[in-house]
C-alpha atoms as a PDB file:
ATOM      1  CA  UNK A   1      45.516-183.457 -31.210  1.00  0.00           C
ATOM      2  CA  UNK A   2      45.083-186.164 -28.378  1.00  0.00           C
ATOM      3  CA  UNK A   3      42.203-183.705 -27.535  1.00  0.00           C
ATOM      4  CA  UNK A   4      40.456-183.392 -31.370  1.00  0.00           C
ATOM      5  CA  UNK A   5      40.762-187.511 -31.145  1.00  0.00           C
ATOM      6  CA  UNK A   6      39.411-188.209 -28.107  1.00  0.00           C
ATOM      7  CA  UNK A   7      36.467-185.580 -29.423  1.00  0.00           C
ATOM      8  CA  UNK A   8      35.712-187.317 -32.364  1.00  0.00           C
ATOM      9  CA  UNK A   9      35.837-191.193 -30.480  1.00  0.00           C
ATOM     10  CA  UNK A  10      33.242-189.865 -27.959  1.00  0.00           C
ATOM     11  CA  UNK A  11      31.243-188.053 -31.189  1.00  0.00           C
ATOM     12  CA  UNK A  12      31.040-192.036 -32.697  1.00  0.00           C
ATOM     13  CA  UNK A  13      30.349-193.560 -29.673  1.00  0.00           C
ATOM     14  CA  UNK A  14      27.506-190.948 -29.027  1.00  0.00           C
ATOM     15  CA  UNK A  15      26.268-191.922 -32.445  1.00  0.00           C
ATOM     16  CA  UNK A  16      26.613-195.604 -32.576  1.00  0.00           C
ATOM     17  CA  UNK A  17      24.760-195.414 -29.276  1.00  0.00           C
ATOM     18  CA  UNK A  18      22.035-193.534 -30.715  1.00  0.00           C
ATOM     19  CA  UNK A  19      21.583-195.651 -33.597  1.00  0.00           C
ATOM     20  CA  UNK A  20      21.509-198.893 -31.197  1.00  0.00           C
ATOM     21  CA  UNK A  21      18.864-197.262 -29.305  1.00  0.00           C
ATOM     22  CA  UNK A  22      16.597-196.468 -32.804  1.00  0.00           C
ATOM     23  CA  UNK A  23      17.192-200.124 -33.723  1.00  0.00           C
ATOM     24  CA  UNK A  24      16.145-201.029 -30.436  1.00  0.00           C
ATOM     25  CA  UNK A  25      13.131-199.266 -29.389  1.00  0.00           C
ATOM     26  CA  UNK A  26      12.170-199.694 -33.517  1.00  0.00           C
ATOM     27  CA  UNK A  27      12.648-203.223 -34.260  1.00  0.00           C
ATOM     28  CA  UNK A  28      13.274-203.107 -37.156  1.00  0.00           C
ATOM     29  CA  UNK A  29      16.245-204.972 -39.108  1.00  0.00           C
ATOM     30  CA  UNK A  30      16.744-202.031 -41.421  1.00  0.00           C
ATOM     31  CA  UNK A  31      17.469-199.712 -39.337  1.00  0.00           C
ATOM     32  CA  UNK A  32      20.406-201.604 -38.034  1.00  0.00           C
ATOM     33  CA  UNK A  33      21.375-201.703 -41.368  1.00  0.00           C
ATOM     34  CA  UNK A  34      21.036-197.869 -41.414  1.00  0.00           C
ATOM     35  CA  UNK A  35      22.892-197.823 -38.428  1.00  0.00           C
ATOM     36  CA  UNK A  36      25.821-199.757 -39.810  1.00  0.00           C
ATOM     37  CA  UNK A  37      25.988-197.861 -42.640  1.00  0.00           C
ATOM     38  CA  UNK A  38      26.394-194.856 -40.631  1.00  0.00           C
ATOM     39  CA  UNK A  39      28.972-195.713 -38.640  1.00  0.00           C
ATOM     40  CA  UNK A  40      31.115-196.732 -41.511  1.00  0.00           C
ATOM     41  CA  UNK A  41      30.728-193.191 -42.662  1.00  0.00           C
ATOM     42  CA  UNK A  42      31.552-192.030 -39.433  1.00  0.00           C
ATOM     43  CA  UNK A  43      34.289-193.860 -39.239  1.00  0.00           C
ATOM     44  CA  UNK A  44      35.274-192.436 -42.728  1.00  0.00           C
ATOM     45  CA  UNK A  45      34.570-189.044 -42.054  1.00  0.00           C
ATOM     46  CA  UNK A  46      36.893-189.371 -38.424  1.00  0.00           C
ATOM     47  CA  UNK A  47      39.734-190.436 -40.804  1.00  0.00           C
ATOM     48  CA  UNK A  48      39.325-187.995 -42.664  1.00  0.00           C
ATOM     49  CA  UNK A  49      39.206-185.429 -40.157  1.00  0.00           C
ATOM     50  CA  UNK A  50      42.299-186.612 -38.186  1.00  0.00           C
ATOM     51  CA  UNK A  51      44.163-186.506 -41.974  1.00  0.00           C
ATOM     52  CA  UNK A  52      42.736-183.105 -42.250  1.00  0.00           C
ATOM     53  CA  UNK A  53      43.778-181.535 -38.743  1.00  0.00           C
ATOM     54  CA  UNK A  54      47.131-183.390 -39.518  1.00  0.00           C
ATOM     55  CA  UNK A  55      47.553-181.579 -42.831  1.00  0.00           C
ATOM     56  CA  UNK A  56      46.103-178.242 -41.384  1.00  0.00           C
ATOM     57  CA  UNK A  57      49.036-178.327 -38.400  1.00  0.00           C
ATOM     58  CA  UNK A  58      51.452-179.101 -40.561  1.00  0.00           C
ATOM     59  CA  UNK A  59      51.127-176.179 -42.592  1.00  0.00           C
ATOM     60  CA  UNK A  60      50.636-174.119 -40.345  1.00  0.00           C
ATOM     61  CA  UNK A  61      54.140-175.181 -38.492  1.00  0.00           C
ATOM     62  CA  UNK A  62      55.710-174.650 -41.621  1.00  0.00           C
ATOM     63  CA  UNK A  63      54.340-171.232 -42.518  1.00  0.00           C
ATOM     64  CA  UNK A  64      54.918-170.423 -39.189  1.00  0.00           C
ATOM     65  CA  UNK A  65      58.600-171.548 -39.955  1.00  0.00           C
ATOM     66  CA  UNK A  66      58.757-169.679 -43.265  1.00  0.00           C
ATOM     67  CA  UNK A  67      57.464-166.249 -41.868  1.00  0.00           C
ATOM     68  CA  UNK A  68      60.449-166.897 -38.951  1.00  0.00           C
ATOM     69  CA  UNK A  69      63.048-167.410 -41.472  1.00  0.00           C
ATOM     70  CA  UNK A  70      61.748-164.775 -43.634  1.00  0.00           C
ATOM     71  CA  UNK A  71      61.657-162.101 -40.900  1.00  0.00           C
ATOM     72  CA  UNK A  72      65.030-163.346 -39.982  1.00  0.00           C
ATOM     73  CA  UNK A  73      66.598-162.546 -43.355  1.00  0.00           C
ATOM     74  CA  UNK A  74      64.745-158.999 -43.590  1.00  0.00           C
ATOM     75  CA  UNK A  75      65.657-158.597 -40.117  1.00  0.00           C
ATOM     76  CA  UNK A  76      69.780-159.174 -41.434  1.00  0.00           C
ATOM     77  CA  UNK A  77      69.274-156.995 -44.764  1.00  0.00           C
ATOM     78  CA  UNK A  78      67.498-154.026 -42.726  1.00  0.00           C
ATOM     79  CA  UNK A  79      70.586-154.243 -40.639  1.00  0.00           C
ATOM     80  CA  UNK A  80      72.910-154.280 -42.743  1.00  0.00           C
ATOM     81  CA  UNK A  81      72.123-150.820 -44.552  1.00  0.00           C
ATOM     82  CA  UNK A  82      73.116-149.225 -41.519  1.00  0.00           C
ATOM     83  CA  UNK A  83      76.318-150.455 -41.949  1.00  0.00           C
ATOM     84  CA  UNK A  84      79.284-148.345 -44.120  1.00  0.00           C
ATOM     85  CA  UNK A  85      80.625-150.847 -46.147  1.00  0.00           C
ATOM     86  CA  UNK A  86      84.663-150.495 -47.301  1.00  0.00           C
ATOM     87  CA  UNK A  87      83.464-149.555 -50.623  1.00  0.00           C
ATOM     88  CA  UNK A  88      81.447-146.889 -49.446  1.00  0.00           C
ATOM     89  CA  UNK A  89      84.534-145.560 -46.933  1.00  0.00           C
ATOM     90  CA  UNK A  90      86.834-145.747 -50.047  1.00  0.00           C
ATOM     91  CA  UNK A  91      84.874-143.690 -52.110  1.00  0.00           C
ATOM     92  CA  UNK A  92      87.498-140.880 -53.775  1.00  0.00           C
ATOM     93  CA  UNK A  93      84.623-138.640 -54.067  1.00  0.00           C
ATOM     94  CA  UNK A  94      84.240-138.480 -50.660  1.00  0.00           C
ATOM     95  CA  UNK A  95      87.765-136.867 -49.722  1.00  0.00           C
ATOM     96  CA  UNK A  96      87.173-134.440 -52.895  1.00  0.00           C
ATOM     97  CA  UNK A  97      84.042-133.364 -51.461  1.00  0.00           C
ATOM     98  CA  UNK A  98      85.744-132.514 -48.106  1.00  0.00           C
ATOM     99  CA  UNK A  99      88.549-130.906 -49.906  1.00  0.00           C
ATOM    100  CA  UNK A 100      86.941-128.814 -51.630  1.00  0.00           C
ATOM    101  CA  UNK A 101      84.477-127.828 -48.821  1.00  0.00           C
ATOM    102  CA  UNK A 102      87.931-126.958 -46.947  1.00  0.00           C
ATOM    103  CA  UNK A 103      89.014-124.878 -49.934  1.00  0.00           C
ATOM    104  CA  UNK A 104      85.613-123.129 -50.227  1.00  0.00           C
ATOM    105  CA  UNK A 105      86.305-121.589 -46.279  1.00  0.00           C
ATOM    106  CA  UNK A 106      89.490-120.865 -47.074  1.00  0.00           C
ATOM    107  CA  UNK A 107      89.240-119.052 -50.072  1.00  0.00           C
ATOM    108  CA  UNK A 108      86.412-116.916 -48.887  1.00  0.00           C
ATOM    109  CA  UNK A 109      87.769-115.880 -45.850  1.00  0.00           C
ATOM    110  CA  UNK A 110      91.161-114.958 -47.741  1.00  0.00           C
ATOM    111  CA  UNK A 111      89.185-112.761 -50.637  1.00  0.00           C
ATOM    112  CA  UNK A 112      86.826-111.370 -48.258  1.00  0.00           C
ATOM    113  CA  UNK A 113      88.904-110.263 -45.602  1.00  0.00           C
ATOM    114  CA  UNK A 114      91.657-108.697 -48.690  1.00  0.00           C
ATOM    115  CA  UNK A 115      88.399-106.884 -49.427  1.00  0.00           C
ATOM    116  CA  UNK A 116      87.896-105.676 -45.828  1.00  0.00           C
ATOM    117  CA  UNK A 117      91.201-104.381 -45.269  1.00  0.00           C
ATOM    118  CA  UNK A 118      91.741-102.688 -48.885  1.00  0.00           C
ATOM    119  CA  UNK A 119      89.509-100.334 -47.778  1.00  0.00           C
ATOM    120  CA  UNK A 120      87.952-100.298 -51.544  1.00  0.00           C
ATOM    121  CA  UNK A 121      84.547-100.778 -50.526  1.00  0.00           C
ATOM    122  CA  UNK A 122      81.926 -99.102 -48.664  1.00  0.00           C
ATOM    123  CA  UNK A 123      80.081-100.568 -45.324  1.00  0.00           C
ATOM    124  CA  UNK A 124      77.168-101.240 -47.725  1.00  0.00           C
ATOM    125  CA  UNK A 125      79.015-103.205 -50.127  1.00  0.00           C
ATOM    126  CA  UNK A 126      80.966-105.222 -47.670  1.00  0.00           C
ATOM    127  CA  UNK A 127      77.143-106.089 -45.861  1.00  0.00           C
ATOM    128  CA  UNK A 128      76.498-107.458 -49.552  1.00  0.00           C
ATOM    129  CA  UNK A 129      79.013-109.439 -50.502  1.00  0.00           C
ATOM    130  CA  UNK A 130      79.326-110.839 -46.757  1.00  0.00           C
ATOM    131  CA  UNK A 131      75.468-112.252 -47.309  1.00  0.00           C
ATOM    132  CA  UNK A 132      76.461-113.711 -50.502  1.00  0.00           C
ATOM    133  CA  UNK A 133      79.554-115.442 -49.172  1.00  0.00           C
ATOM    134  CA  UNK A 134      77.042-116.542 -46.222  1.00  0.00           C
ATOM    135  CA  UNK A 135      74.640-117.547 -48.738  1.00  0.00           C
ATOM    136  CA  UNK A 136      77.424-120.002 -50.404  1.00  0.00           C
ATOM    137  CA  UNK A 137      78.850-121.548 -47.491  1.00  0.00           C
ATOM    138  CA  UNK A 138      75.493-122.210 -46.089  1.00  0.00           C
ATOM    139  CA  UNK A 139      74.386-124.339 -48.866  1.00  0.00           C
ATOM    140  CA  UNK A 140      78.021-126.242 -48.381  1.00  0.00           C
ATOM    141  CA  UNK A 141      77.137-126.508 -45.048  1.00  0.00           C
ATOM    142  CA  UNK A 142      73.933-128.334 -45.882  1.00  0.00           C
ATOM    143  CA  UNK A 143      76.170-130.407 -48.669  1.00  0.00           C
ATOM    144  CA  UNK A 144      78.388-131.616 -45.900  1.00  0.00           C
ATOM    145  CA  UNK A 145      75.704-132.481 -43.371  1.00  0.00           C
ATOM    146  CA  UNK A 146      74.008-134.687 -45.932  1.00  0.00           C
ATOM    147  CA  UNK A 147      77.340-136.201 -46.637  1.00  0.00           C
ATOM    148  CA  UNK A 148      77.898-136.945 -43.171  1.00  0.00           C
ATOM    149  CA  UNK A 149      74.776-138.522 -42.663  1.00  0.00           C
ATOM    150  CA  UNK A 150      75.494-140.884 -45.568  1.00  0.00           C
ATOM    151  CA  UNK A 151      79.177-142.289 -44.179  1.00  0.00           C
ATOM    152  CA  UNK A 152      77.779-142.255 -40.671  1.00  0.00           C
ATOM    153  CA  UNK A 153      76.863-145.697 -39.392  1.00  0.00           C
ATOM    154  CA  UNK A 154      73.423-146.694 -37.832  1.00  0.00           C
ATOM    155  CA  UNK A 155      71.605-143.494 -39.529  1.00  0.00           C
ATOM    156  CA  UNK A 156      70.463-144.090 -42.595  1.00  0.00           C
ATOM    157  CA  UNK A 157      69.242-147.027 -43.980  1.00  0.00           C
ATOM    158  CA  UNK A 158      70.526-147.391 -47.448  1.00  0.00           C
ATOM    159  CA  UNK A 159      72.227-149.779 -49.996  1.00  0.00           C
ATOM    160  CA  UNK A 160      75.805-149.446 -51.285  1.00  0.00           C
ATOM    161  CA  UNK A 161      74.839-148.328 -54.321  1.00  0.00           C
ATOM    162  CA  UNK A 162      72.273-145.781 -52.802  1.00  0.00           C
ATOM    163  CA  UNK A 163      74.957-144.356 -50.456  1.00  0.00           C
ATOM    164  CA  UNK A 164      77.351-144.062 -53.187  1.00  0.00           C
ATOM    165  CA  UNK A 165      74.697-142.197 -55.438  1.00  0.00           C
ATOM    166  CA  UNK A 166      74.317-139.707 -52.473  1.00  0.00           C
ATOM    167  CA  UNK A 167      77.933-139.475 -52.343  1.00  0.00           C
ATOM    168  CA  UNK A 168      78.141-138.827 -55.857  1.00  0.00           C
ATOM    169  CA  UNK A 169      75.055-135.783 -55.828  1.00  0.00           C
ATOM    170  CA  UNK A 170      76.925-134.313 -52.709  1.00  0.00           C
ATOM    171  CA  UNK A 171      80.481-134.042 -54.339  1.00  0.00           C
ATOM    172  CA  UNK A 172      78.425-132.885 -57.708  1.00  0.00           C
ATOM    173  CA  UNK A 173      76.777-130.176 -55.650  1.00  0.00           C
ATOM    174  CA  UNK A 174      80.407-128.947 -53.580  1.00  0.00           C
ATOM    175  CA  UNK A 175      82.136-128.344 -56.638  1.00  0.00           C
ATOM    176  CA  UNK A 176      79.141-126.161 -57.923  1.00  0.00           C
ATOM    177  CA  UNK A 177      79.200-124.322 -55.037  1.00  0.00           C
ATOM    178  CA  UNK A 178      82.961-123.889 -55.454  1.00  0.00           C
ATOM    179  CA  UNK A 179      82.493-122.500 -59.110  1.00  0.00           C
ATOM    180  CA  UNK A 180      80.095-120.136 -57.597  1.00  0.00           C
ATOM    181  CA  UNK A 181      82.392-119.246 -54.926  1.00  0.00           C
ATOM    182  CA  UNK A 182      85.300-118.994 -57.379  1.00  0.00           C
ATOM    183  CA  UNK A 183      83.551-116.792 -59.523  1.00  0.00           C
ATOM    184  CA  UNK A 184      82.700-114.277 -57.161  1.00  0.00           C
ATOM    185  CA  UNK A 185      85.951-113.826 -55.918  1.00  0.00           C
ATOM    186  CA  UNK A 186      87.283-112.803 -59.426  1.00  0.00           C
ATOM    187  CA  UNK A 187      84.711-110.218 -59.471  1.00  0.00           C
ATOM    188  CA  UNK A 188      85.697-108.835 -55.903  1.00  0.00           C
ATOM    189  CA  UNK A 189      89.186-109.443 -56.914  1.00  0.00           C
ATOM    190  CA  UNK A 190      88.618-107.729 -60.491  1.00  0.00           C
ATOM    191  CA  UNK A 191      86.696-104.683 -58.688  1.00  0.00           C
ATOM    192  CA  UNK A 192      89.308-104.226 -55.864  1.00  0.00           C
ATOM    193  CA  UNK A 193      92.306-104.170 -58.221  1.00  0.00           C
ATOM    194  CA  UNK A 194      90.204-102.020 -60.536  1.00  0.00           C
ATOM    195  CA  UNK A 195      89.492 -99.434 -57.518  1.00  0.00           C
ATOM    196  CA  UNK A 196      93.090 -99.614 -56.478  1.00  0.00           C
ATOM    197  CA  UNK A 197      94.592 -99.006 -60.198  1.00  0.00           C
ATOM    198  CA  UNK A 198      91.976 -95.827 -60.090  1.00  0.00           C
ATOM    199  CA  UNK A 199      93.017 -94.301 -56.805  1.00  0.00           C
ATOM    200  CA  UNK A 200      96.593 -94.350 -58.063  1.00  0.00           C
ATOM    201  CA  UNK A 201      95.917 -93.103 -60.884  1.00  0.00           C
ATOM    202  CA  UNK A 202      93.665 -90.206 -59.494  1.00  0.00           C
ATOM    203  CA  UNK A 203      96.884 -90.010 -56.818  1.00  0.00           C
ATOM    204  CA  UNK A 204      99.102 -89.685 -59.851  1.00  0.00           C
ATOM    205  CA  UNK A 205      97.213 -86.791 -61.664  1.00  0.00           C
ATOM    206  CA  UNK A 206      97.040 -84.666 -58.326  1.00  0.00           C
ATOM    207  CA  UNK A 207     100.986 -85.003 -57.953  1.00  0.00           C
ATOM    208  CA  UNK A 208     101.280 -84.231 -61.759  1.00  0.00           C
ATOM    209  CA  UNK A 209      99.086 -81.064 -61.015  1.00  0.00           C
ATOM    210  CA  UNK A 210     100.775 -80.250 -58.101  1.00  0.00           C
ATOM    211  CA  UNK A 211      97.009 -80.523 -56.373  1.00  0.00           C
END
């Protein structure tokens, strides 16, 4: 600001000198009067310029401070999106999804293992069943990966509301996978029991007819 003031003062002094020189060489009183009027005008302009610079400086300082505060608030907000709050941690659907995921794996292992050990299914049938089970478990694994991202701090920038919605979606998807697996297991067991019953009937008939 001091440099700006010195520059304007020098500008005024130069202007005054030029005006006085003109009055001296022209020897006209009218020129002097005009020079005085110009000096008054320059002083007014000087004051206006100084005031304008002050307003500009204050405005820039205010803008800088506002932007700094705004960025600080934004930084805190985005940092908070990385944190897992208690409402998210304590969401009951997290445990429900994990329990169902565990049950999906346990039930699949139990029923498929039973089908393999029974000897009632051909190699092609077992391969087919393994593929279906694998598809269901793979889809459930993807759901669990998403759940892990949702409840792990520092991975996703999300609000609590969005995290809870995501957890609810994952829980719904896991329940769907569990229903699919349950339906498949029921069909496998029905087929297995039917084949066993049929085999027993054949063996009974053989004994009755001495074959």
